[in-house]
Amino acid sequence: LSYIAITIGIIQFLVITIDVIRHPQM
């Protein structure tokens, strides 16, 4: 369960980072 939670967290980090790169904030 802890490995699954860590993997989900890494995936969330990557998705948010890609979104911020594509659509930068003001």
mmCIF file of all heavy atoms, coordinates in Angstrom:
data_MODEL
# 
_entry.id   MODEL 
# 
loop_
_atom_site.group_PDB 
_atom_site.id 
_atom_site.type_symbol 
_atom_site.label_atom_id 
_atom_site.label_alt_id 
_atom_site.label_comp_id 
_atom_site.label_asym_id 
_atom_site.label_entity_id 
_atom_site.label_seq_id 
_atom_site.pdbx_PDB_ins_code 
_atom_site.Cartn_x 
_atom_site.Cartn_y 
_atom_site.Cartn_z 
_atom_site.occupancy 
_atom_site.B_iso_or_equiv 
_atom_site.pdbx_formal_charge 
_atom_site.auth_seq_id 
_atom_site.auth_comp_id 
_atom_site.auth_asym_id 
_atom_site.auth_atom_id 
_atom_site.pdbx_PDB_model_num 
ATOM 1   N N   . LEU A 1 1  ? 0.818  -1.199 0.000   1.00 0.00 ? 1  LEU A N   1 
ATOM 2   C CA  . LEU A 1 1  ? 0.000  0.000  0.000   1.00 0.00 ? 1  LEU A CA  1 
ATOM 3   C C   . LEU A 1 1  ? 0.863  1.265  0.000   1.00 0.00 ? 1  LEU A C   1 
ATOM 4   O O   . LEU A 1 1  ? 0.553  2.237  -0.695  1.00 0.00 ? 1  LEU A O   1 
ATOM 5   C CB  . LEU A 1 1  ? -0.932 -0.006 1.208   1.00 0.00 ? 1  LEU A CB  1 
ATOM 6   C CG  . LEU A 1 1  ? -1.923 1.143  1.310   1.00 0.00 ? 1  LEU A CG  1 
ATOM 7   C CD1 . LEU A 1 1  ? -2.899 1.100  0.134   1.00 0.00 ? 1  LEU A CD1 1 
ATOM 8   C CD2 . LEU A 1 1  ? -2.670 1.062  2.624   1.00 0.00 ? 1  LEU A CD2 1 
ATOM 9   N N   . SER A 1 2  ? 1.954  1.248  0.750   1.00 0.00 ? 2  SER A N   1 
ATOM 10  C CA  . SER A 1 2  ? 2.829  2.421  0.785   1.00 0.00 ? 2  SER A CA  1 
ATOM 11  C C   . SER A 1 2  ? 3.510  2.643  -0.560  1.00 0.00 ? 2  SER A C   1 
ATOM 12  O O   . SER A 1 2  ? 3.659  3.788  -1.002  1.00 0.00 ? 2  SER A O   1 
ATOM 13  C CB  . SER A 1 2  ? 3.867  2.291  1.894   1.00 0.00 ? 2  SER A CB  1 
ATOM 14  O OG  . SER A 1 2  ? 4.755  1.234  1.622   1.00 0.00 ? 2  SER A OG  1 
ATOM 15  N N   . TYR A 1 3  ? 3.917  1.563  -1.237  1.00 0.00 ? 3  TYR A N   1 
ATOM 16  C CA  . TYR A 1 3  ? 4.508  1.711  -2.570  1.00 0.00 ? 3  TYR A CA  1 
ATOM 17  C C   . TYR A 1 3  ? 3.493  2.268  -3.570  1.00 0.00 ? 3  TYR A C   1 
ATOM 18  O O   . TYR A 1 3  ? 3.833  3.103  -4.404  1.00 0.00 ? 3  TYR A O   1 
ATOM 19  C CB  . TYR A 1 3  ? 5.050  0.374  -3.078  1.00 0.00 ? 3  TYR A CB  1 
ATOM 20  C CG  . TYR A 1 3  ? 6.361  -0.031 -2.447  1.00 0.00 ? 3  TYR A CG  1 
ATOM 21  C CD1 . TYR A 1 3  ? 6.513  -1.292 -1.885  1.00 0.00 ? 3  TYR A CD1 1 
ATOM 22  C CD2 . TYR A 1 3  ? 7.440  0.834  -2.406  1.00 0.00 ? 3  TYR A CD2 1 
ATOM 23  C CE1 . TYR A 1 3  ? 7.708  -1.675 -1.308  1.00 0.00 ? 3  TYR A CE1 1 
ATOM 24  C CE2 . TYR A 1 3  ? 8.641  0.460  -1.823  1.00 0.00 ? 3  TYR A CE2 1 
ATOM 25  C CZ  . TYR A 1 3  ? 8.770  -0.792 -1.278  1.00 0.00 ? 3  TYR A CZ  1 
ATOM 26  O OH  . TYR A 1 3  ? 9.951  -1.165 -0.717  1.00 0.00 ? 3  TYR A OH  1 
ATOM 27  N N   . ILE A 1 4  ? 2.266  1.845  -3.457  1.00 0.00 ? 4  ILE A N   1 
ATOM 28  C CA  . ILE A 1 4  ? 1.217  2.365  -4.341  1.00 0.00 ? 4  ILE A CA  1 
ATOM 29  C C   . ILE A 1 4  ? 0.993  3.852  -4.072  1.00 0.00 ? 4  ILE A C   1 
ATOM 30  O O   . ILE A 1 4  ? 0.880  4.653  -5.009  1.00 0.00 ? 4  ILE A O   1 
ATOM 31  C CB  . ILE A 1 4  ? -0.094 1.562  -4.154  1.00 0.00 ? 4  ILE A CB  1 
ATOM 32  C CG1 . ILE A 1 4  ? 0.086  0.141  -4.691  1.00 0.00 ? 4  ILE A CG1 1 
ATOM 33  C CG2 . ILE A 1 4  ? -1.266 2.252  -4.832  1.00 0.00 ? 4  ILE A CG2 1 
ATOM 34  C CD1 . ILE A 1 4  ? -1.051 -0.801 -4.350  1.00 0.00 ? 4  ILE A CD1 1 
ATOM 35  N N   . ALA A 1 5  ? 0.955  4.252  -2.811  1.00 0.00 ? 5  ALA A N   1 
ATOM 36  C CA  . ALA A 1 5  ? 0.744  5.663  -2.461  1.00 0.00 ? 5  ALA A CA  1 
ATOM 37  C C   . ALA A 1 5  ? 1.899  6.525  -2.954  1.00 0.00 ? 5  ALA A C   1 
ATOM 38  O O   . ALA A 1 5  ? 1.679  7.628  -3.480  1.00 0.00 ? 5  ALA A O   1 
ATOM 39  C CB  . ALA A 1 5  ? 0.582  5.804  -0.949  1.00 0.00 ? 5  ALA A CB  1 
ATOM 40  N N   . ILE A 1 6  ? 3.117  6.047  -2.818  1.00 0.00 ? 6  ILE A N   1 
ATOM 41  C CA  . ILE A 1 6  ? 4.284  6.797  -3.300  1.00 0.00 ? 6  ILE A CA  1 
ATOM 42  C C   . ILE A 1 6  ? 4.247  6.921  -4.813  1.00 0.00 ? 6  ILE A C   1 
ATOM 43  O O   . ILE A 1 6  ? 4.531  7.988  -5.370  1.00 0.00 ? 6  ILE A O   1 
ATOM 44  C CB  . ILE A 1 6  ? 5.587  6.132  -2.814  1.00 0.00 ? 6  ILE A CB  1 
ATOM 45  C CG1 . ILE A 1 6  ? 5.724  6.338  -1.307  1.00 0.00 ? 6  ILE A CG1 1 
ATOM 46  C CG2 . ILE A 1 6  ? 6.795  6.701  -3.547  1.00 0.00 ? 6  ILE A CG2 1 
ATOM 47  C CD1 . ILE A 1 6  ? 6.833  5.545  -0.673  1.00 0.00 ? 6  ILE A CD1 1 
ATOM 48  N N   . THR A 1 7  ? 3.880  5.862  -5.495  1.00 0.00 ? 7  THR A N   1 
ATOM 49  C CA  . THR A 1 7  ? 3.790  5.898  -6.958  1.00 0.00 ? 7  THR A CA  1 
ATOM 50  C C   . THR A 1 7  ? 2.725  6.893  -7.413  1.00 0.00 ? 7  THR A C   1 
ATOM 51  O O   . THR A 1 7  ? 2.959  7.673  -8.347  1.00 0.00 ? 7  THR A O   1 
ATOM 52  C CB  . THR A 1 7  ? 3.468  4.491  -7.508  1.00 0.00 ? 7  THR A CB  1 
ATOM 53  O OG1 . THR A 1 7  ? 4.467  3.572  -7.042  1.00 0.00 ? 7  THR A OG1 1 
ATOM 54  C CG2 . THR A 1 7  ? 3.432  4.493  -9.014  1.00 0.00 ? 7  THR A CG2 1 
ATOM 55  N N   . ILE A 1 8  ? 1.587  6.897  -6.759  1.00 0.00 ? 8  ILE A N   1 
ATOM 56  C CA  . ILE A 1 8  ? 0.529  7.854  -7.103  1.00 0.00 ? 8  ILE A CA  1 
ATOM 57  C C   . ILE A 1 8  ? 1.012  9.284  -6.868  1.00 0.00 ? 8  ILE A C   1 
ATOM 58  O O   . ILE A 1 8  ? 0.758  10.179 -7.678  1.00 0.00 ? 8  ILE A O   1 
ATOM 59  C CB  . ILE A 1 8  ? -0.758 7.553  -6.309  1.00 0.00 ? 8  ILE A CB  1 
ATOM 60  C CG1 . ILE A 1 8  ? -1.380 6.256  -6.809  1.00 0.00 ? 8  ILE A CG1 1 
ATOM 61  C CG2 . ILE A 1 8  ? -1.753 8.709  -6.405  1.00 0.00 ? 8  ILE A CG2 1 
ATOM 62  C CD1 . ILE A 1 8  ? -2.531 5.756  -5.977  1.00 0.00 ? 8  ILE A CD1 1 
ATOM 63  N N   . GLY A 1 9  ? 1.725  9.513  -5.786  1.00 0.00 ? 9  GLY A N   1 
ATOM 64  C CA  . GLY A 1 9  ? 2.267  10.840 -5.498  1.00 0.00 ? 9  GLY A CA  1 
ATOM 65  C C   . GLY A 1 9  ? 3.251  11.302 -6.555  1.00 0.00 ? 9  GLY A C   1 
ATOM 66  O O   . GLY A 1 9  ? 3.228  12.467 -6.976  1.00 0.00 ? 9  GLY A O   1 
ATOM 67  N N   . ILE A 1 10 ? 4.112  10.414 -7.018  1.00 0.00 ? 10 ILE A N   1 
ATOM 68  C CA  . ILE A 1 10 ? 5.073  10.761 -8.070  1.00 0.00 ? 10 ILE A CA  1 
ATOM 69  C C   . ILE A 1 10 ? 4.350  11.074 -9.372  1.00 0.00 ? 10 ILE A C   1 
ATOM 70  O O   . ILE A 1 10 ? 4.687  12.036 -10.068 1.00 0.00 ? 10 ILE A O   1 
ATOM 71  C CB  . ILE A 1 10 ? 6.103  9.627  -8.245  1.00 0.00 ? 10 ILE A CB  1 
ATOM 72  C CG1 . ILE A 1 10 ? 7.005  9.556  -7.020  1.00 0.00 ? 10 ILE A CG1 1 
ATOM 73  C CG2 . ILE A 1 10 ? 6.928  9.830  -9.511  1.00 0.00 ? 10 ILE A CG2 1 
ATOM 74  C CD1 . ILE A 1 10 ? 7.899  8.336  -6.979  1.00 0.00 ? 10 ILE A CD1 1 
ATOM 75  N N   . ILE A 1 11 ? 3.331  10.291 -9.687  1.00 0.00 ? 11 ILE A N   1 
ATOM 76  C CA  . ILE A 1 11 ? 2.552  10.539 -10.910 1.00 0.00 ? 11 ILE A CA  1 
ATOM 77  C C   . ILE A 1 11 ? 1.853  11.895 -10.821 1.00 0.00 ? 11 ILE A C   1 
ATOM 78  O O   . ILE A 1 11 ? 1.846  12.662 -11.787 1.00 0.00 ? 11 ILE A O   1 
ATOM 79  C CB  . ILE A 1 11 ? 1.548  9.395  -11.158 1.00 0.00 ? 11 ILE A CB  1 
ATOM 80  C CG1 . ILE A 1 11 ? 2.294  8.121  -11.542 1.00 0.00 ? 11 ILE A CG1 1 
ATOM 81  C CG2 . ILE A 1 11 ? 0.540  9.774  -12.234 1.00 0.00 ? 11 ILE A CG2 1 
ATOM 82  C CD1 . ILE A 1 11 ? 1.431  6.881  -11.577 1.00 0.00 ? 11 ILE A CD1 1 
ATOM 83  N N   . GLN A 1 12 ? 1.281  12.219 -9.658  1.00 0.00 ? 12 GLN A N   1 
ATOM 84  C CA  . GLN A 1 12 ? 0.628  13.518 -9.482  1.00 0.00 ? 12 GLN A CA  1 
ATOM 85  C C   . GLN A 1 12 ? 1.631  14.651 -9.663  1.00 0.00 ? 12 GLN A C   1 
ATOM 86  O O   . GLN A 1 12 ? 1.336  15.661 -10.307 1.00 0.00 ? 12 GLN A O   1 
ATOM 87  C CB  . GLN A 1 12 ? 0.008  13.627 -8.092  1.00 0.00 ? 12 GLN A CB  1 
ATOM 88  C CG  . GLN A 1 12 ? -1.240 12.836 -7.909  1.00 0.00 ? 12 GLN A CG  1 
ATOM 89  C CD  . GLN A 1 12 ? -1.765 12.938 -6.495  1.00 0.00 ? 12 GLN A CD  1 
ATOM 90  O OE1 . GLN A 1 12 ? -1.035 13.271 -5.565  1.00 0.00 ? 12 GLN A OE1 1 
ATOM 91  N NE2 . GLN A 1 12 ? -3.035 12.645 -6.325  1.00 0.00 ? 12 GLN A NE2 1 
ATOM 92  N N   . PHE A 1 13 ? 2.816  14.500 -9.088  1.00 0.00 ? 13 PHE A N   1 
ATOM 93  C CA  . PHE A 1 13 ? 3.856  15.518 -9.221  1.00 0.00 ? 13 PHE A CA  1 
ATOM 94  C C   . PHE A 1 13 ? 4.217  15.735 -10.684 1.00 0.00 ? 13 PHE A C   1 
ATOM 95  O O   . PHE A 1 13 ? 4.314  16.873 -11.147 1.00 0.00 ? 13 PHE A O   1 
ATOM 96  C CB  . PHE A 1 13 ? 5.093  15.096 -8.424  1.00 0.00 ? 13 PHE A CB  1 
ATOM 97  C CG  . PHE A 1 13 ? 6.275  16.005 -8.620  1.00 0.00 ? 13 PHE A CG  1 
ATOM 98  C CD1 . PHE A 1 13 ? 6.335  17.209 -7.946  1.00 0.00 ? 13 PHE A CD1 1 
ATOM 99  C CD2 . PHE A 1 13 ? 7.306  15.656 -9.464  1.00 0.00 ? 13 PHE A CD2 1 
ATOM 100 C CE1 . PHE A 1 13 ? 7.423  18.060 -8.120  1.00 0.00 ? 13 PHE A CE1 1 
ATOM 101 C CE2 . PHE A 1 13 ? 8.388  16.494 -9.654  1.00 0.00 ? 13 PHE A CE2 1 
ATOM 102 C CZ  . PHE A 1 13 ? 8.451  17.702 -8.968  1.00 0.00 ? 13 PHE A CZ  1 
ATOM 103 N N   . LEU A 1 14 ? 4.370  14.654 -11.436 1.00 0.00 ? 14 LEU A N   1 
ATOM 104 C CA  . LEU A 1 14 ? 4.736  14.771 -12.847 1.00 0.00 ? 14 LEU A CA  1 
ATOM 105 C C   . LEU A 1 14 ? 3.617  15.422 -13.665 1.00 0.00 ? 14 LEU A C   1 
ATOM 106 O O   . LEU A 1 14 ? 3.884  16.270 -14.524 1.00 0.00 ? 14 LEU A O   1 
ATOM 107 C CB  . LEU A 1 14 ? 5.089  13.400 -13.411 1.00 0.00 ? 14 LEU A CB  1 
ATOM 108 C CG  . LEU A 1 14 ? 6.370  12.772 -12.866 1.00 0.00 ? 14 LEU A CG  1 
ATOM 109 C CD1 . LEU A 1 14 ? 6.532  11.357 -13.393 1.00 0.00 ? 14 LEU A CD1 1 
ATOM 110 C CD2 . LEU A 1 14 ? 7.566  13.620 -13.205 1.00 0.00 ? 14 LEU A CD2 1 
ATOM 111 N N   . VAL A 1 15 ? 2.377  15.039 -13.398 1.00 0.00 ? 15 VAL A N   1 
ATOM 112 C CA  . VAL A 1 15 ? 1.252  15.620 -14.140 1.00 0.00 ? 15 VAL A CA  1 
ATOM 113 C C   . VAL A 1 15 ? 1.144  17.116 -13.855 1.00 0.00 ? 15 VAL A C   1 
ATOM 114 O O   . VAL A 1 15 ? 0.968  17.923 -14.783 1.00 0.00 ? 15 VAL A O   1 
ATOM 115 C CB  . VAL A 1 15 ? -0.068 14.892 -13.773 1.00 0.00 ? 15 VAL A CB  1 
ATOM 116 C CG1 . VAL A 1 15 ? -1.281 15.661 -14.262 1.00 0.00 ? 15 VAL A CG1 1 
ATOM 117 C CG2 . VAL A 1 15 ? -0.064 13.490 -14.345 1.00 0.00 ? 15 VAL A CG2 1 
ATOM 118 N N   . ILE A 1 16 ? 1.271  17.519 -12.597 1.00 0.00 ? 16 ILE A N   1 
ATOM 119 C CA  . ILE A 1 16 ? 1.191  18.941 -12.252 1.00 0.00 ? 16 ILE A CA  1 
ATOM 120 C C   . ILE A 1 16 ? 2.358  19.705 -12.859 1.00 0.00 ? 16 ILE A C   1 
ATOM 121 O O   . ILE A 1 16 ? 2.178  20.806 -13.391 1.00 0.00 ? 16 ILE A O   1 
ATOM 122 C CB  . ILE A 1 16 ? 1.134  19.124 -10.725 1.00 0.00 ? 16 ILE A CB  1 
ATOM 123 C CG1 . ILE A 1 16 ? -0.199 18.610 -10.204 1.00 0.00 ? 16 ILE A CG1 1 
ATOM 124 C CG2 . ILE A 1 16 ? 1.324  20.592 -10.332 1.00 0.00 ? 16 ILE A CG2 1 
ATOM 125 C CD1 . ILE A 1 16 ? -0.297 18.555 -8.702  1.00 0.00 ? 16 ILE A CD1 1 
ATOM 126 N N   . THR A 1 17 ? 3.561  19.131 -12.826 1.00 0.00 ? 17 THR A N   1 
ATOM 127 C CA  . THR A 1 17 ? 4.728  19.790 -13.409 1.00 0.00 ? 17 THR A CA  1 
ATOM 128 C C   . THR A 1 17 ? 4.564  19.974 -14.910 1.00 0.00 ? 17 THR A C   1 
ATOM 129 O O   . THR A 1 17 ? 4.853  21.052 -15.449 1.00 0.00 ? 17 THR A O   1 
ATOM 130 C CB  . THR A 1 17 ? 6.003  18.985 -13.104 1.00 0.00 ? 17 THR A CB  1 
ATOM 131 O OG1 . THR A 1 17 ? 6.134  18.842 -11.683 1.00 0.00 ? 17 THR A OG1 1 
ATOM 132 C CG2 . THR A 1 17 ? 7.228  19.677 -13.662 1.00 0.00 ? 17 THR A CG2 1 
ATOM 133 N N   . ILE A 1 18 ? 4.083  18.960 -15.600 1.00 0.00 ? 18 ILE A N   1 
ATOM 134 C CA  . ILE A 1 18 ? 3.859  19.073 -17.046 1.00 0.00 ? 18 ILE A CA  1 
ATOM 135 C C   . ILE A 1 18 ? 2.805  20.134 -17.337 1.00 0.00 ? 18 ILE A C   1 
ATOM 136 O O   . ILE A 1 18 ? 2.957  20.936 -18.261 1.00 0.00 ? 18 ILE A O   1 
ATOM 137 C CB  . ILE A 1 18 ? 3.465  17.703 -17.638 1.00 0.00 ? 18 ILE A CB  1 
ATOM 138 C CG1 . ILE A 1 18 ? 4.661  16.766 -17.605 1.00 0.00 ? 18 ILE A CG1 1 
ATOM 139 C CG2 . ILE A 1 18 ? 2.934  17.847 -19.053 1.00 0.00 ? 18 ILE A CG2 1 
ATOM 140 C CD1 . ILE A 1 18 ? 4.332  15.316 -17.916 1.00 0.00 ? 18 ILE A CD1 1 
ATOM 141 N N   . ASP A 1 19 ? 1.743  20.176 -16.540 1.00 0.00 ? 19 ASP A N   1 
ATOM 142 C CA  . ASP A 1 19 ? 0.697  21.177 -16.738 1.00 0.00 ? 19 ASP A CA  1 
ATOM 143 C C   . ASP A 1 19 ? 1.232  22.589 -16.510 1.00 0.00 ? 19 ASP A C   1 
ATOM 144 O O   . ASP A 1 19 ? 0.910  23.509 -17.269 1.00 0.00 ? 19 ASP A O   1 
ATOM 145 C CB  . ASP A 1 19 ? -0.478 20.907 -15.806 1.00 0.00 ? 19 ASP A CB  1 
ATOM 146 C CG  . ASP A 1 19 ? -1.625 21.870 -16.043 1.00 0.00 ? 19 ASP A CG  1 
ATOM 147 O OD1 . ASP A 1 19 ? -2.101 21.940 -17.193 1.00 0.00 ? 19 ASP A OD1 1 
ATOM 148 O OD2 . ASP A 1 19 ? -2.018 22.554 -15.091 1.00 0.00 ? 19 ASP A OD2 1 
ATOM 149 N N   . VAL A 1 20 ? 2.066  22.768 -15.492 1.00 0.00 ? 20 VAL A N   1 
ATOM 150 C CA  . VAL A 1 20 ? 2.629  24.095 -15.214 1.00 0.00 ? 20 VAL A CA  1 
ATOM 151 C C   . VAL A 1 20 ? 3.582  24.516 -16.337 1.00 0.00 ? 20 VAL A C   1 
ATOM 152 O O   . VAL A 1 20 ? 3.626  25.687 -16.698 1.00 0.00 ? 20 VAL A O   1 
ATOM 153 C CB  . VAL A 1 20 ? 3.343  24.095 -13.846 1.00 0.00 ? 20 VAL A CB  1 
ATOM 154 C CG1 . VAL A 1 20 ? 4.220  25.320 -13.666 1.00 0.00 ? 20 VAL A CG1 1 
ATOM 155 C CG2 . VAL A 1 20 ? 2.317  24.026 -12.730 1.00 0.00 ? 20 VAL A CG2 1 
ATOM 156 N N   . ILE A 1 21 ? 4.309  23.572 -16.915 1.00 0.00 ? 21 ILE A N   1 
ATOM 157 C CA  . ILE A 1 21 ? 5.203  23.897 -18.031 1.00 0.00 ? 21 ILE A CA  1 
ATOM 158 C C   . ILE A 1 21 ? 4.389  24.296 -19.257 1.00 0.00 ? 21 ILE A C   1 
ATOM 159 O O   . ILE A 1 21 ? 4.737  25.255 -19.959 1.00 0.00 ? 21 ILE A O   1 
ATOM 160 C CB  . ILE A 1 21 ? 6.137  22.709 -18.343 1.00 0.00 ? 21 ILE A CB  1 
ATOM 161 C CG1 . ILE A 1 21 ? 7.151  22.542 -17.213 1.00 0.00 ? 21 ILE A CG1 1 
ATOM 162 C CG2 . ILE A 1 21 ? 6.844  22.909 -19.678 1.00 0.00 ? 21 ILE A CG2 1 
ATOM 163 C CD1 . ILE A 1 21 ? 7.974  21.272 -17.309 1.00 0.00 ? 21 ILE A CD1 1 
ATOM 164 N N   . ARG A 1 22 ? 3.308  23.604 -19.518 1.00 0.00 ? 22 ARG A N   1 
ATOM 165 C CA  . ARG A 1 22 ? 2.475  23.913 -20.686 1.00 0.00 ? 22 ARG A CA  1 
ATOM 166 C C   . ARG A 1 22 ? 1.680  25.198 -20.504 1.00 0.00 ? 22 ARG A C   1 
ATOM 167 O O   . ARG A 1 22 ? 1.463  25.950 -21.446 1.00 0.00 ? 22 ARG A O   1 
ATOM 168 C CB  . ARG A 1 22 ? 1.508  22.765 -20.967 1.00 0.00 ? 22 ARG A CB  1 
ATOM 169 C CG  . ARG A 1 22 ? 2.173  21.565 -21.547 1.00 0.00 ? 22 ARG A CG  1 
ATOM 170 C CD  . ARG A 1 22 ? 1.142  20.533 -21.904 1.00 0.00 ? 22 ARG A CD  1 
ATOM 171 N NE  . ARG A 1 22 ? 1.788  19.350 -22.466 1.00 0.00 ? 22 ARG A NE  1 
ATOM 172 C CZ  . ARG A 1 22 ? 1.155  18.238 -22.713 1.00 0.00 ? 22 ARG A CZ  1 
ATOM 173 N NH1 . ARG A 1 22 ? -0.141 18.134 -22.457 1.00 0.00 ? 22 ARG A NH1 1 
ATOM 174 N NH2 . ARG A 1 22 ? 1.802  17.205 -23.220 1.00 0.00 ? 22 ARG A NH2 1 
ATOM 175 N N   . HIS A 1 23 ? 1.201  25.434 -19.297 1.00 0.00 ? 23 HIS A N   1 
ATOM 176 C CA  . HIS A 1 23 ? 0.369  26.610 -19.017 1.00 0.00 ? 23 HIS A CA  1 
ATOM 177 C C   . HIS A 1 23 ? 0.942  27.340 -17.805 1.00 0.00 ? 23 HIS A C   1 
ATOM 178 O O   . HIS A 1 23 ? 0.429  27.192 -16.693 1.00 0.00 ? 23 HIS A O   1 
ATOM 179 C CB  . HIS A 1 23 ? -1.078 26.190 -18.724 1.00 0.00 ? 23 HIS A CB  1 
ATOM 180 C CG  . HIS A 1 23 ? -1.674 25.313 -19.764 1.00 0.00 ? 23 HIS A CG  1 
ATOM 181 N ND1 . HIS A 1 23 ? -2.072 25.788 -20.983 1.00 0.00 ? 23 HIS A ND1 1 
ATOM 182 C CD2 . HIS A 1 23 ? -1.922 23.983 -19.768 1.00 0.00 ? 23 HIS A CD2 1 
ATOM 183 C CE1 . HIS A 1 23 ? -2.546 24.780 -21.705 1.00 0.00 ? 23 HIS A CE1 1 
ATOM 184 N NE2 . HIS A 1 23 ? -2.462 23.677 -20.983 1.00 0.00 ? 23 HIS A NE2 1 
ATOM 185 N N   . PRO A 1 24 ? 1.984  28.148 -18.017 1.00 0.00 ? 24 PRO A N   1 
ATOM 186 C CA  . PRO A 1 24 ? 2.617  28.835 -16.878 1.00 0.00 ? 24 PRO A CA  1 
ATOM 187 C C   . PRO A 1 24 ? 1.654  29.807 -16.185 1.00 0.00 ? 24 PRO A C   1 
ATOM 188 O O   . PRO A 1 24 ? 0.769  30.385 -16.813 1.00 0.00 ? 24 PRO A O   1 
ATOM 189 C CB  . PRO A 1 24 ? 3.787  29.598 -17.497 1.00 0.00 ? 24 PRO A CB  1 
ATOM 190 C CG  . PRO A 1 24 ? 3.839  29.243 -18.930 1.00 0.00 ? 24 PRO A CG  1 
ATOM 191 C CD  . PRO A 1 24 ? 2.625  28.454 -19.277 1.00 0.00 ? 24 PRO A CD  1 
ATOM 192 N N   . GLN A 1 25 ? 1.853  29.962 -14.900 1.00 0.00 ? 25 GLN A N   1 
ATOM 193 C CA  . GLN A 1 25 ? 1.049  30.886 -14.114 1.00 0.00 ? 25 GLN A CA  1 
ATOM 194 C C   . GLN A 1 25 ? 1.519  32.324 -14.350 1.00 0.00 ? 25 GLN A C   1 
ATOM 195 O O   . GLN A 1 25 ? 2.645  32.546 -14.783 1.00 0.00 ? 25 GLN A O   1 
ATOM 196 C CB  . GLN A 1 25 ? 1.182  30.547 -12.626 1.00 0.00 ? 25 GLN A CB  1 
ATOM 197 C CG  . GLN A 1 25 ? 0.764  29.148 -12.279 1.00 0.00 ? 25 GLN A CG  1 
ATOM 198 C CD  . GLN A 1 25 ? -0.717 28.930 -12.446 1.00 0.00 ? 25 GLN A CD  1 
ATOM 199 O OE1 . GLN A 1 25 ? -1.516 29.751 -12.024 1.00 0.00 ? 25 GLN A OE1 1 
ATOM 200 N NE2 . GLN A 1 25 ? -1.096 27.841 -13.070 1.00 0.00 ? 25 GLN A NE2 1 
ATOM 201 N N   . MET A 1 26 ? 0.669  33.297 -14.046 1.00 0.00 ? 26 MET A N   1 
ATOM 202 C CA  . MET A 1 26 ? 1.063  34.697 -14.202 1.00 0.00 ? 26 MET A CA  1 
ATOM 203 C C   . MET A 1 26 ? 2.170  35.070 -13.221 1.00 0.00 ? 26 MET A C   1 
ATOM 204 O O   . MET A 1 26 ? 3.081  35.802 -13.557 1.00 0.00 ? 26 MET A O   1 
ATOM 205 C CB  . MET A 1 26 ? -0.140 35.612 -14.018 1.00 0.00 ? 26 MET A CB  1 
ATOM 206 C CG  . MET A 1 26 ? -1.155 35.503 -15.109 1.00 0.00 ? 26 MET A CG  1 
ATOM 207 S SD  . MET A 1 26 ? -2.510 36.621 -14.766 1.00 0.00 ? 26 MET A SD  1 
ATOM 208 C CE  . MET A 1 26 ? -2.847 37.170 -16.413 1.00 0.00 ? 26 MET A CE  1 
# 
